[in-house]
């Protein structure tokens, strides 16, 4: 599934449950922030090494992957409601960053 397919599926999911009324950009941003907070809490007291392997930890991994999915879902839903092409905007941002922060010459 690509981002457009995910956006369509999420749009259908919300419509089938009459949740469109609750999916204003403001509410979606707030929900996204909450999910980022939940992801942050999972990493809060991990060491650098523990954080590097958290997604594959038998106990923590399922929670990390679940919260990452929640963040993506809300981000894609928000972009869909705002009619923003996330991949195009990410590509443009990376290009701007390559100009702003050039790699050191060898």
N, C-alpha and C. Protein backbone atom coordinates (compact mmCIF):
# COMPACT_ATOMS: atom_id res chain seq x y z
N UNK A 1 0.84 -1.17 0.00
CA UNK A 1 0.00 0.00 0.00
C UNK A 1 0.90 1.24 0.00
N UNK A 2 0.56 2.23 -0.80
CA UNK A 2 1.29 3.49 -0.81
C UNK A 2 0.52 4.51 0.03
N UNK A 3 1.06 5.74 0.15
CA UNK A 3 0.41 6.74 0.99
C UNK A 3 -0.97 7.12 0.48
N UNK A 4 -1.14 7.20 -0.83
CA UNK A 4 -2.47 7.51 -1.38
C UNK A 4 -3.47 6.41 -1.02
N UNK A 5 -3.06 5.18 -1.12
CA UNK A 5 -3.93 4.07 -0.76
C UNK A 5 -4.29 4.10 0.72
N UNK A 6 -3.30 4.40 1.56
CA UNK A 6 -3.55 4.50 2.99
C UNK A 6 -4.51 5.65 3.28
N UNK A 7 -4.30 6.79 2.65
CA UNK A 7 -5.18 7.94 2.86
C UNK A 7 -6.61 7.59 2.47
N UNK A 8 -6.77 6.91 1.34
CA UNK A 8 -8.11 6.52 0.90
C UNK A 8 -8.75 5.56 1.90
N UNK A 9 -7.98 4.59 2.36
CA UNK A 9 -8.52 3.63 3.33
C UNK A 9 -8.92 4.31 4.63
N UNK A 10 -8.10 5.26 5.10
CA UNK A 10 -8.41 5.99 6.32
C UNK A 10 -9.64 6.88 6.14
N UNK A 11 -9.75 7.49 4.96
CA UNK A 11 -10.91 8.32 4.65
C UNK A 11 -12.18 7.47 4.69
N UNK A 12 -12.14 6.29 4.08
CA UNK A 12 -13.29 5.39 4.09
C UNK A 12 -13.61 4.91 5.50
N UNK A 13 -12.57 4.60 6.27
CA UNK A 13 -12.74 4.14 7.65
C UNK A 13 -13.47 5.20 8.48
N UNK A 14 -13.03 6.45 8.36
CA UNK A 14 -13.66 7.55 9.11
C UNK A 14 -15.09 7.79 8.64
N UNK A 15 -15.30 7.76 7.34
CA UNK A 15 -16.64 8.01 6.80
C UNK A 15 -17.62 6.92 7.25
N UNK A 16 -17.19 5.68 7.26
CA UNK A 16 -18.06 4.57 7.64
C UNK A 16 -18.51 4.68 9.10
N UNK A 17 -17.76 5.39 9.91
CA UNK A 17 -18.06 5.52 11.33
C UNK A 17 -18.60 6.92 11.67
N UNK A 18 -18.81 7.74 10.63
CA UNK A 18 -19.28 9.12 10.81
C UNK A 18 -18.32 9.92 11.70
N UNK A 19 -17.02 9.71 11.50
CA UNK A 19 -16.01 10.42 12.27
C UNK A 19 -15.49 11.66 11.56
N UNK A 20 -15.90 11.89 10.33
CA UNK A 20 -15.42 13.06 9.59
C UNK A 20 -15.62 14.33 10.41
N UNK A 21 -16.74 14.41 11.09
CA UNK A 21 -17.05 15.59 11.89
C UNK A 21 -15.99 15.85 12.97
N UNK A 22 -15.30 14.82 13.38
CA UNK A 22 -14.29 14.96 14.44
C UNK A 22 -12.87 15.12 13.88
N UNK A 23 -12.71 14.90 12.59
CA UNK A 23 -11.38 14.90 11.98
C UNK A 23 -11.06 16.24 11.33
N UNK A 24 -11.23 17.30 12.12
CA UNK A 24 -10.79 18.61 11.65
C UNK A 24 -9.27 18.64 11.73
N UNK A 25 -8.62 19.49 10.96
CA UNK A 25 -7.16 19.58 11.08
C UNK A 25 -6.71 19.84 12.51
N UNK A 26 -7.39 20.71 13.23
CA UNK A 26 -7.02 20.99 14.63
C UNK A 26 -7.07 19.73 15.47
N UNK A 27 -8.15 18.97 15.36
CA UNK A 27 -8.27 17.75 16.16
C UNK A 27 -7.25 16.70 15.75
N UNK A 28 -6.98 16.60 14.47
CA UNK A 28 -5.99 15.64 14.00
C UNK A 28 -4.59 16.01 14.47
N UNK A 29 -4.25 17.30 14.48
CA UNK A 29 -2.95 17.72 15.00
C UNK A 29 -2.84 17.39 16.48
N UNK A 30 -3.90 17.62 17.22
CA UNK A 30 -3.87 17.31 18.65
C UNK A 30 -3.72 15.80 18.87
N UNK A 31 -4.43 14.99 18.09
CA UNK A 31 -4.30 13.54 18.21
C UNK A 31 -2.90 13.07 17.82
N UNK A 32 -2.34 13.68 16.77
CA UNK A 32 -0.99 13.35 16.34
C UNK A 32 0.01 13.67 17.46
N UNK A 33 -0.14 14.82 18.07
CA UNK A 33 0.74 15.18 19.19
C UNK A 33 0.63 14.19 20.34
N UNK A 34 -0.58 13.74 20.62
CA UNK A 34 -0.77 12.75 21.68
C UNK A 34 -0.07 11.44 21.37
N UNK A 35 -0.16 11.01 20.11
CA UNK A 35 0.49 9.76 19.71
C UNK A 35 2.02 9.89 19.75
N UNK A 36 2.53 11.05 19.34
CA UNK A 36 3.98 11.28 19.43
C UNK A 36 4.40 11.24 20.91
N UNK A 37 3.56 11.78 21.77
CA UNK A 37 3.84 11.73 23.21
C UNK A 37 3.89 10.31 23.73
N UNK A 38 2.97 9.47 23.26
CA UNK A 38 2.98 8.07 23.68
C UNK A 38 4.23 7.35 23.19
N UNK A 39 4.65 7.66 21.98
CA UNK A 39 5.89 7.09 21.45
C UNK A 39 7.09 7.59 22.25
N UNK A 40 7.10 8.86 22.55
CA UNK A 40 8.18 9.46 23.34
C UNK A 40 8.29 8.78 24.71
N UNK A 41 7.16 8.52 25.33
CA UNK A 41 7.17 7.90 26.66
C UNK A 41 7.82 6.52 26.63
N UNK A 42 7.66 5.79 25.53
CA UNK A 42 8.28 4.48 25.42
C UNK A 42 9.81 4.56 25.40
N UNK A 43 10.34 5.66 24.87
CA UNK A 43 11.78 5.83 24.73
C UNK A 43 12.41 6.62 25.88
N UNK A 44 11.60 7.20 26.72
CA UNK A 44 12.06 8.19 27.70
C UNK A 44 13.27 7.75 28.52
N UNK A 45 13.27 6.57 29.05
CA UNK A 45 14.36 6.18 29.95
C UNK A 45 15.26 5.09 29.37
N UNK A 46 15.17 4.89 28.07
CA UNK A 46 16.04 3.90 27.45
C UNK A 46 17.46 4.45 27.27
N UNK A 47 18.42 3.56 27.27
CA UNK A 47 19.78 3.96 26.92
C UNK A 47 19.83 4.14 25.40
N UNK A 48 20.92 4.70 24.90
CA UNK A 48 21.08 4.84 23.45
C UNK A 48 21.00 3.47 22.76
N UNK A 49 21.66 2.47 23.34
CA UNK A 49 21.65 1.13 22.76
C UNK A 49 20.25 0.53 22.79
N UNK A 50 19.57 0.65 23.92
CA UNK A 50 18.20 0.13 24.01
C UNK A 50 17.28 0.80 22.99
N UNK A 51 17.47 2.10 22.80
CA UNK A 51 16.61 2.82 21.85
C UNK A 51 16.87 2.36 20.42
N UNK A 52 18.11 2.00 20.12
CA UNK A 52 18.46 1.57 18.76
C UNK A 52 17.81 0.24 18.39
N UNK A 53 17.46 -0.56 19.38
CA UNK A 53 16.89 -1.88 19.12
C UNK A 53 15.45 -2.00 19.63
N UNK A 54 14.85 -0.90 20.02
CA UNK A 54 13.53 -0.92 20.66
C UNK A 54 12.45 -1.56 19.80
N UNK A 55 12.47 -1.32 18.51
CA UNK A 55 11.42 -1.85 17.64
C UNK A 55 11.45 -3.37 17.54
N UNK A 56 12.59 -3.98 17.92
CA UNK A 56 12.73 -5.44 17.82
C UNK A 56 12.81 -6.10 19.18
N UNK A 57 12.68 -5.32 20.23
CA UNK A 57 12.68 -5.87 21.59
C UNK A 57 11.38 -6.67 21.78
N UNK A 58 11.48 -7.90 22.32
CA UNK A 58 10.27 -8.73 22.45
C UNK A 58 9.16 -8.08 23.28
N UNK A 59 9.51 -7.33 24.29
CA UNK A 59 8.51 -6.70 25.15
C UNK A 59 8.09 -5.34 24.62
N UNK A 60 9.05 -4.53 24.26
CA UNK A 60 8.78 -3.15 23.88
C UNK A 60 8.42 -3.00 22.40
N UNK A 61 8.94 -3.86 21.56
CA UNK A 61 8.77 -3.74 20.13
C UNK A 61 7.34 -3.60 19.65
N UNK A 62 6.42 -4.46 20.12
CA UNK A 62 5.04 -4.32 19.66
C UNK A 62 4.44 -2.96 19.98
N UNK A 63 4.77 -2.41 21.15
CA UNK A 63 4.27 -1.09 21.53
C UNK A 63 4.87 0.00 20.65
N UNK A 64 6.17 -0.08 20.39
CA UNK A 64 6.84 0.91 19.54
C UNK A 64 6.24 0.90 18.14
N UNK A 65 6.09 -0.29 17.58
CA UNK A 65 5.53 -0.39 16.23
C UNK A 65 4.09 0.11 16.18
N UNK A 66 3.33 -0.17 17.21
CA UNK A 66 1.94 0.28 17.28
C UNK A 66 1.87 1.81 17.33
N UNK A 67 2.71 2.42 18.14
CA UNK A 67 2.70 3.89 18.25
C UNK A 67 3.23 4.53 16.97
N UNK A 68 4.23 3.93 16.34
CA UNK A 68 4.70 4.45 15.05
C UNK A 68 3.57 4.42 14.02
N UNK A 69 2.81 3.34 14.02
CA UNK A 69 1.68 3.24 13.10
C UNK A 69 0.64 4.32 13.40
N UNK A 70 0.35 4.56 14.68
CA UNK A 70 -0.60 5.61 15.05
C UNK A 70 -0.14 6.98 14.56
N UNK A 71 1.16 7.26 14.73
CA UNK A 71 1.70 8.55 14.27
C UNK A 71 1.53 8.68 12.76
N UNK A 72 1.87 7.63 12.03
CA UNK A 72 1.73 7.67 10.58
C UNK A 72 0.26 7.84 10.18
N UNK A 73 -0.62 7.12 10.81
CA UNK A 73 -2.04 7.21 10.48
C UNK A 73 -2.56 8.63 10.67
N UNK A 74 -2.27 9.23 11.79
CA UNK A 74 -2.75 10.60 12.02
C UNK A 74 -2.08 11.59 11.09
N UNK A 75 -0.81 11.40 10.79
CA UNK A 75 -0.12 12.30 9.87
C UNK A 75 -0.72 12.20 8.47
N UNK A 76 -0.95 11.00 8.00
CA UNK A 76 -1.54 10.81 6.67
C UNK A 76 -2.96 11.35 6.64
N UNK A 77 -3.71 11.13 7.69
CA UNK A 77 -5.09 11.65 7.75
C UNK A 77 -5.09 13.18 7.73
N UNK A 78 -4.19 13.79 8.48
CA UNK A 78 -4.08 15.25 8.50
C UNK A 78 -3.71 15.80 7.13
N UNK A 79 -2.72 15.20 6.51
CA UNK A 79 -2.30 15.65 5.17
C UNK A 79 -3.45 15.50 4.18
N UNK A 80 -4.20 14.42 4.29
CA UNK A 80 -5.34 14.21 3.40
C UNK A 80 -6.39 15.30 3.61
N UNK A 81 -6.69 15.62 4.84
CA UNK A 81 -7.70 16.66 5.12
C UNK A 81 -7.23 18.03 4.64
N UNK A 82 -5.91 18.26 4.65
CA UNK A 82 -5.35 19.55 4.20
C UNK A 82 -4.98 19.54 2.72
N UNK A 83 -5.19 18.41 2.06
CA UNK A 83 -4.85 18.24 0.64
C UNK A 83 -3.37 18.54 0.38
N UNK A 84 -2.53 17.92 1.19
CA UNK A 84 -1.08 18.07 1.09
C UNK A 84 -0.50 16.74 0.63
N UNK A 85 0.34 16.77 -0.39
CA UNK A 85 1.04 15.58 -0.87
C UNK A 85 2.30 15.41 -0.02
N UNK A 86 2.23 14.51 0.94
CA UNK A 86 3.34 14.33 1.88
C UNK A 86 4.64 13.95 1.19
N UNK A 87 4.58 13.06 0.22
CA UNK A 87 5.82 12.64 -0.45
C UNK A 87 6.44 13.79 -1.24
N UNK A 88 5.64 14.57 -1.92
CA UNK A 88 6.16 15.72 -2.66
C UNK A 88 6.76 16.75 -1.71
N UNK A 89 6.09 16.99 -0.61
CA UNK A 89 6.60 17.97 0.36
C UNK A 89 7.86 17.47 1.04
N UNK A 90 7.93 16.17 1.32
CA UNK A 90 9.14 15.61 1.93
C UNK A 90 10.32 15.72 0.96
N UNK A 91 10.08 15.42 -0.32
CA UNK A 91 11.13 15.53 -1.34
C UNK A 91 11.62 16.97 -1.44
N UNK A 92 10.70 17.92 -1.46
CA UNK A 92 11.08 19.34 -1.53
C UNK A 92 11.88 19.75 -0.29
N UNK A 93 11.48 19.25 0.86
CA UNK A 93 12.19 19.59 2.10
C UNK A 93 13.60 19.01 2.10
N UNK A 94 13.75 17.77 1.66
CA UNK A 94 15.08 17.16 1.59
C UNK A 94 15.97 17.96 0.63
N UNK A 95 15.42 18.37 -0.49
CA UNK A 95 16.20 19.18 -1.44
C UNK A 95 16.63 20.51 -0.81
N UNK A 96 15.73 21.15 -0.07
CA UNK A 96 16.10 22.39 0.62
C UNK A 96 17.19 22.13 1.66
N UNK A 97 17.07 21.02 2.39
CA UNK A 97 18.07 20.70 3.41
C UNK A 97 19.43 20.38 2.79
N UNK A 98 19.42 19.76 1.61
CA UNK A 98 20.70 19.49 0.94
C UNK A 98 21.41 20.79 0.57
N UNK A 99 20.66 21.81 0.26
CA UNK A 99 21.25 23.12 -0.03
C UNK A 99 21.69 23.81 1.26
N UNK A 100 20.85 23.76 2.26
CA UNK A 100 21.15 24.43 3.54
C UNK A 100 22.31 23.76 4.28
N UNK A 101 22.39 22.44 4.18
CA UNK A 101 23.39 21.68 4.92
C UNK A 101 24.17 20.79 3.96
N UNK A 102 25.05 21.36 3.15
CA UNK A 102 25.78 20.55 2.17
C UNK A 102 26.71 19.55 2.88
N UNK A 103 26.87 18.41 2.23
CA UNK A 103 27.78 17.38 2.76
C UNK A 103 29.21 17.90 2.64
N UNK A 104 30.05 17.58 3.59
CA UNK A 104 31.45 18.01 3.51
C UNK A 104 32.12 17.43 2.26
N UNK A 105 32.96 18.23 1.65
CA UNK A 105 33.73 17.76 0.48
C UNK A 105 34.78 16.77 0.95
N UNK A 106 35.03 15.76 0.15
CA UNK A 106 36.06 14.75 0.51
C UNK A 106 37.44 15.30 0.32
